[in-house]
Amino acid sequence: RILKSDDKGWYICEHKAEHNHALSVNCTEKLHWKSHWHIDRWSN
């Protein structure tokens, strides 16, 4: 889980090494996932 810090940066607050789905091929594909809508696509 990624959260935004007070200084407008990002930090990881929770990490799960296992996935319950196939991983994305690219960042554009992630934007279609509801869980990734809030992630700024330009922050890579």
PDB file of N, CA and C in Angstrom:
ATOM      1  N   ARG A   1       0.847  -1.169   0.000  1.00  0.00           N
ATOM      2  CA  ARG A   1       0.000   0.000   0.000  1.00  0.00           C
ATOM      3  C   ARG A   1       0.892   1.232   0.000  1.00  0.00           C
ATOM      4  N   ILE A   2       0.576   2.184  -0.841  1.00  0.00           N
ATOM      5  CA  ILE A   2       1.349   3.418  -0.965  1.00  0.00           C
ATOM      6  C   ILE A   2       0.485   4.585  -0.498  1.00  0.00           C
ATOM      7  N   LEU A   3       1.075   5.446   0.309  1.00  0.00           N
ATOM      8  CA  LEU A   3       0.383   6.636   0.796  1.00  0.00           C
ATOM      9  C   LEU A   3       1.174   7.883   0.427  1.00  0.00           C
ATOM     10  N   LYS A   4       0.477   9.006   0.391  1.00  0.00           N
ATOM     11  CA  LYS A   4       1.120  10.280   0.092  1.00  0.00           C
ATOM     12  C   LYS A   4       1.543  10.931   1.409  1.00  0.00           C
ATOM     13  N   SER A   5       2.767  11.433   1.462  1.00  0.00           N
ATOM     14  CA  SER A   5       3.274  12.061   2.678  1.00  0.00           C
ATOM     15  C   SER A   5       2.868  13.534   2.725  1.00  0.00           C
ATOM     16  N   ASP A   6       3.085  14.151   3.889  1.00  0.00           N
ATOM     17  CA  ASP A   6       2.731  15.562   4.062  1.00  0.00           C
ATOM     18  C   ASP A   6       3.508  16.479   3.119  1.00  0.00           C
ATOM     19  N   ASP A   7       4.717  16.061   2.720  1.00  0.00           N
ATOM     20  CA  ASP A   7       5.517  16.882   1.807  1.00  0.00           C
ATOM     21  C   ASP A   7       5.259  16.536   0.335  1.00  0.00           C
ATOM     22  N   LYS A   8       4.113  15.881   0.081  1.00  0.00           N
ATOM     23  CA  LYS A   8       3.636  15.524  -1.257  1.00  0.00           C
ATOM     24  C   LYS A   8       4.495  14.463  -1.947  1.00  0.00           C
ATOM     25  N   GLY A   9       5.243  13.711  -1.164  1.00  0.00           N
ATOM     26  CA  GLY A   9       5.988  12.573  -1.690  1.00  0.00           C
ATOM     27  C   GLY A   9       5.155  11.311  -1.494  1.00  0.00           C
ATOM     28  N   TRP A  10       5.746  10.163  -1.740  1.00  0.00           N
ATOM     29  CA  TRP A  10       5.066   8.883  -1.577  1.00  0.00           C
ATOM     30  C   TRP A  10       5.869   7.996  -0.648  1.00  0.00           C
ATOM     31  N   TYR A  11       5.181   7.112   0.093  1.00  0.00           N
ATOM     32  CA  TYR A  11       5.884   6.128   0.905  1.00  0.00           C
ATOM     33  C   TYR A  11       5.070   4.845   0.989  1.00  0.00           C
ATOM     34  N   ILE A  12       5.770   3.745   1.190  1.00  0.00           N
ATOM     35  CA  ILE A  12       5.130   2.435   1.292  1.00  0.00           C
ATOM     36  C   ILE A  12       4.778   2.185   2.744  1.00  0.00           C
ATOM     37  N   CYS A  13       3.504   1.933   3.018  1.00  0.00           N
ATOM     38  CA  CYS A  13       3.090   1.660   4.392  1.00  0.00           C
ATOM     39  C   CYS A  13       2.748   0.184   4.589  1.00  0.00           C
ATOM     40  N   GLU A  14       2.582  -0.555   3.508  1.00  0.00           N
ATOM     41  CA  GLU A  14       2.263  -1.979   3.595  1.00  0.00           C
ATOM     42  C   GLU A  14       2.732  -2.654   2.311  1.00  0.00           C
ATOM     43  N   HIS A  15       3.325  -3.827   2.438  1.00  0.00           N
ATOM     44  CA  HIS A  15       3.794  -4.562   1.264  1.00  0.00           C
ATOM     45  C   HIS A  15       3.364  -6.013   1.363  1.00  0.00           C
ATOM     46  N   LYS A  16       2.790  -6.530   0.309  1.00  0.00           N
ATOM     47  CA  LYS A  16       2.437  -7.945   0.219  1.00  0.00           C
ATOM     48  C   LYS A  16       3.201  -8.523  -0.955  1.00  0.00           C
ATOM     49  N   ALA A  17       4.056  -9.485  -0.681  1.00  0.00           N
ATOM     50  CA  ALA A  17       4.907 -10.055  -1.728  1.00  0.00           C
ATOM     51  C   ALA A  17       4.125 -10.930  -2.702  1.00  0.00           C
ATOM     52  N   GLU A  18       3.017 -11.503  -2.257  1.00  0.00           N
ATOM     53  CA  GLU A  18       2.223 -12.378  -3.114  1.00  0.00           C
ATOM     54  C   GLU A  18       1.088 -11.595  -3.763  1.00  0.00           C
ATOM     55  N   HIS A  19       0.738 -11.969  -4.992  1.00  0.00           N
ATOM     56  CA  HIS A  19      -0.353 -11.320  -5.715  1.00  0.00           C
ATOM     57  C   HIS A  19      -1.470 -12.324  -5.971  1.00  0.00           C
ATOM     58  N   ASN A  20      -2.704 -11.835  -5.984  1.00  0.00           N
ATOM     59  CA  ASN A  20      -3.849 -12.701  -6.277  1.00  0.00           C
ATOM     60  C   ASN A  20      -4.311 -12.531  -7.721  1.00  0.00           C
ATOM     61  N   HIS A  21      -3.426 -11.971  -8.567  1.00  0.00           N
ATOM     62  CA  HIS A  21      -3.735 -11.739  -9.977  1.00  0.00           C
ATOM     63  C   HIS A  21      -2.431 -11.711 -10.764  1.00  0.00           C
ATOM     64  N   ALA A  22      -2.543 -11.793 -12.062  1.00  0.00           N
ATOM     65  CA  ALA A  22      -1.355 -11.672 -12.917  1.00  0.00           C
ATOM     66  C   ALA A  22      -0.854 -10.233 -12.878  1.00  0.00           C
ATOM     67  N   LEU A  23       0.444 -10.047 -12.980  1.00  0.00           N
ATOM     68  CA  LEU A  23       1.005  -8.704 -12.958  1.00  0.00           C
ATOM     69  C   LEU A  23       0.798  -8.014 -14.301  1.00  0.00           C
ATOM     70  N   SER A  24       0.749  -6.692 -14.273  1.00  0.00           N
ATOM     71  CA  SER A  24       0.555  -5.899 -15.486  1.00  0.00           C
ATOM     72  C   SER A  24       1.784  -5.939 -16.377  1.00  0.00           C
ATOM     73  N   VAL A  25       1.539  -5.756 -17.649  1.00  0.00           N
ATOM     74  CA  VAL A  25       2.625  -5.673 -18.613  1.00  0.00           C
ATOM     75  C   VAL A  25       3.239  -4.276 -18.579  1.00  0.00           C
ATOM     76  N   ASN A  26       2.401  -3.236 -18.389  1.00  0.00           N
ATOM     77  CA  ASN A  26       2.895  -1.862 -18.394  1.00  0.00           C
ATOM     78  C   ASN A  26       2.050  -0.982 -17.465  1.00  0.00           C
ATOM     79  N   CYS A  27       2.468   0.261 -17.281  1.00  0.00           N
ATOM     80  CA  CYS A  27       1.772   1.179 -16.372  1.00  0.00           C
ATOM     81  C   CYS A  27       0.383   1.553 -16.875  1.00  0.00           C
ATOM     82  N   THR A  28       0.203   1.655 -18.177  1.00  0.00           N
ATOM     83  CA  THR A  28      -1.107   1.998 -18.734  1.00  0.00           C
ATOM     84  C   THR A  28      -2.152   0.967 -18.342  1.00  0.00           C
ATOM     85  N   GLU A  29      -1.769  -0.288 -18.350  1.00  0.00           N
ATOM     86  CA  GLU A  29      -2.691  -1.354 -17.964  1.00  0.00           C
ATOM     87  C   GLU A  29      -3.125  -1.196 -16.508  1.00  0.00           C
ATOM     88  N   LYS A  30      -2.234  -0.745 -15.638  1.00  0.00           N
ATOM     89  CA  LYS A  30      -2.551  -0.561 -14.217  1.00  0.00           C
ATOM     90  C   LYS A  30      -3.630   0.494 -14.015  1.00  0.00           C
ATOM     91  N   LEU A  31      -3.678   1.500 -14.884  1.00  0.00           N
ATOM     92  CA  LEU A  31      -4.663   2.570 -14.737  1.00  0.00           C
ATOM     93  C   LEU A  31      -6.089   2.061 -14.884  1.00  0.00           C
ATOM     94  N   HIS A  32      -6.267   0.882 -15.445  1.00  0.00           N
ATOM     95  CA  HIS A  32      -7.597   0.301 -15.584  1.00  0.00           C
ATOM     96  C   HIS A  32      -8.058  -0.390 -14.308  1.00  0.00           C
ATOM     97  N   TRP A  33      -7.143  -0.625 -13.377  1.00  0.00           N
ATOM     98  CA  TRP A  33      -7.489  -1.297 -12.125  1.00  0.00           C
ATOM     99  C   TRP A  33      -7.976  -0.274 -11.120  1.00  0.00           C
ATOM    100  N   LYS A  34      -9.113  -0.536 -10.531  1.00  0.00           N
ATOM    101  CA  LYS A  34      -9.679   0.393  -9.555  1.00  0.00           C
ATOM    102  C   LYS A  34      -8.692   0.702  -8.431  1.00  0.00           C
ATOM    103  N   SER A  35      -7.945  -0.297  -7.985  1.00  0.00           N
ATOM    104  CA  SER A  35      -7.000  -0.088  -6.884  1.00  0.00           C
ATOM    105  C   SER A  35      -5.837   0.826  -7.263  1.00  0.00           C
ATOM    106  N   HIS A  36      -5.636   1.093  -8.554  1.00  0.00           N
ATOM    107  CA  HIS A  36      -4.521   1.921  -8.999  1.00  0.00           C
ATOM    108  C   HIS A  36      -4.977   3.274  -9.544  1.00  0.00           C
ATOM    109  N   TRP A  37      -6.259   3.584  -9.495  1.00  0.00           N
ATOM    110  CA  TRP A  37      -6.755   4.857 -10.036  1.00  0.00           C
ATOM    111  C   TRP A  37      -6.161   6.060  -9.323  1.00  0.00           C
ATOM    112  N   HIS A  38      -5.916   5.937  -8.013  1.00  0.00           N
ATOM    113  CA  HIS A  38      -5.447   7.079  -7.237  1.00  0.00           C
ATOM    114  C   HIS A  38      -3.956   7.341  -7.393  1.00  0.00           C
ATOM    115  N   ILE A  39      -3.215   6.459  -8.070  1.00  0.00           N
ATOM    116  CA  ILE A  39      -1.772   6.626  -8.232  1.00  0.00           C
ATOM    117  C   ILE A  39      -1.492   7.568  -9.399  1.00  0.00           C
ATOM    118  N   ASP A  40      -0.678   8.561  -9.141  1.00  0.00           N
ATOM    119  CA  ASP A  40      -0.301   9.523 -10.174  1.00  0.00           C
ATOM    120  C   ASP A  40       0.527   8.816 -11.245  1.00  0.00           C
ATOM    121  N   ARG A  41       0.044   8.772 -12.474  1.00  0.00           N
ATOM    122  CA  ARG A  41       0.733   8.023 -13.525  1.00  0.00           C
ATOM    123  C   ARG A  41       2.067   8.643 -13.922  1.00  0.00           C
ATOM    124  N   TRP A  42       2.329   9.871 -13.525  1.00  0.00           N
ATOM    125  CA  TRP A  42       3.591  10.524 -13.879  1.00  0.00           C
ATOM    126  C   TRP A  42       4.632  10.396 -12.769  1.00  0.00           C
ATOM    127  N   SER A  43       4.335   9.673 -11.713  1.00  0.00           N
ATOM    128  CA  SER A  43       5.260   9.588 -10.576  1.00  0.00           C
ATOM    129  C   SER A  43       6.273   8.462 -10.699  1.00  0.00           C
ATOM    130  N   ASN A  44       6.352   7.781 -11.838  1.00  0.00           N
ATOM    131  CA  ASN A  44       7.289   6.654 -12.002  1.00  0.00           C
ATOM    132  C   ASN A  44       8.712   7.109 -12.045  1.00  0.00           C
TER     133      ASN A  44
END
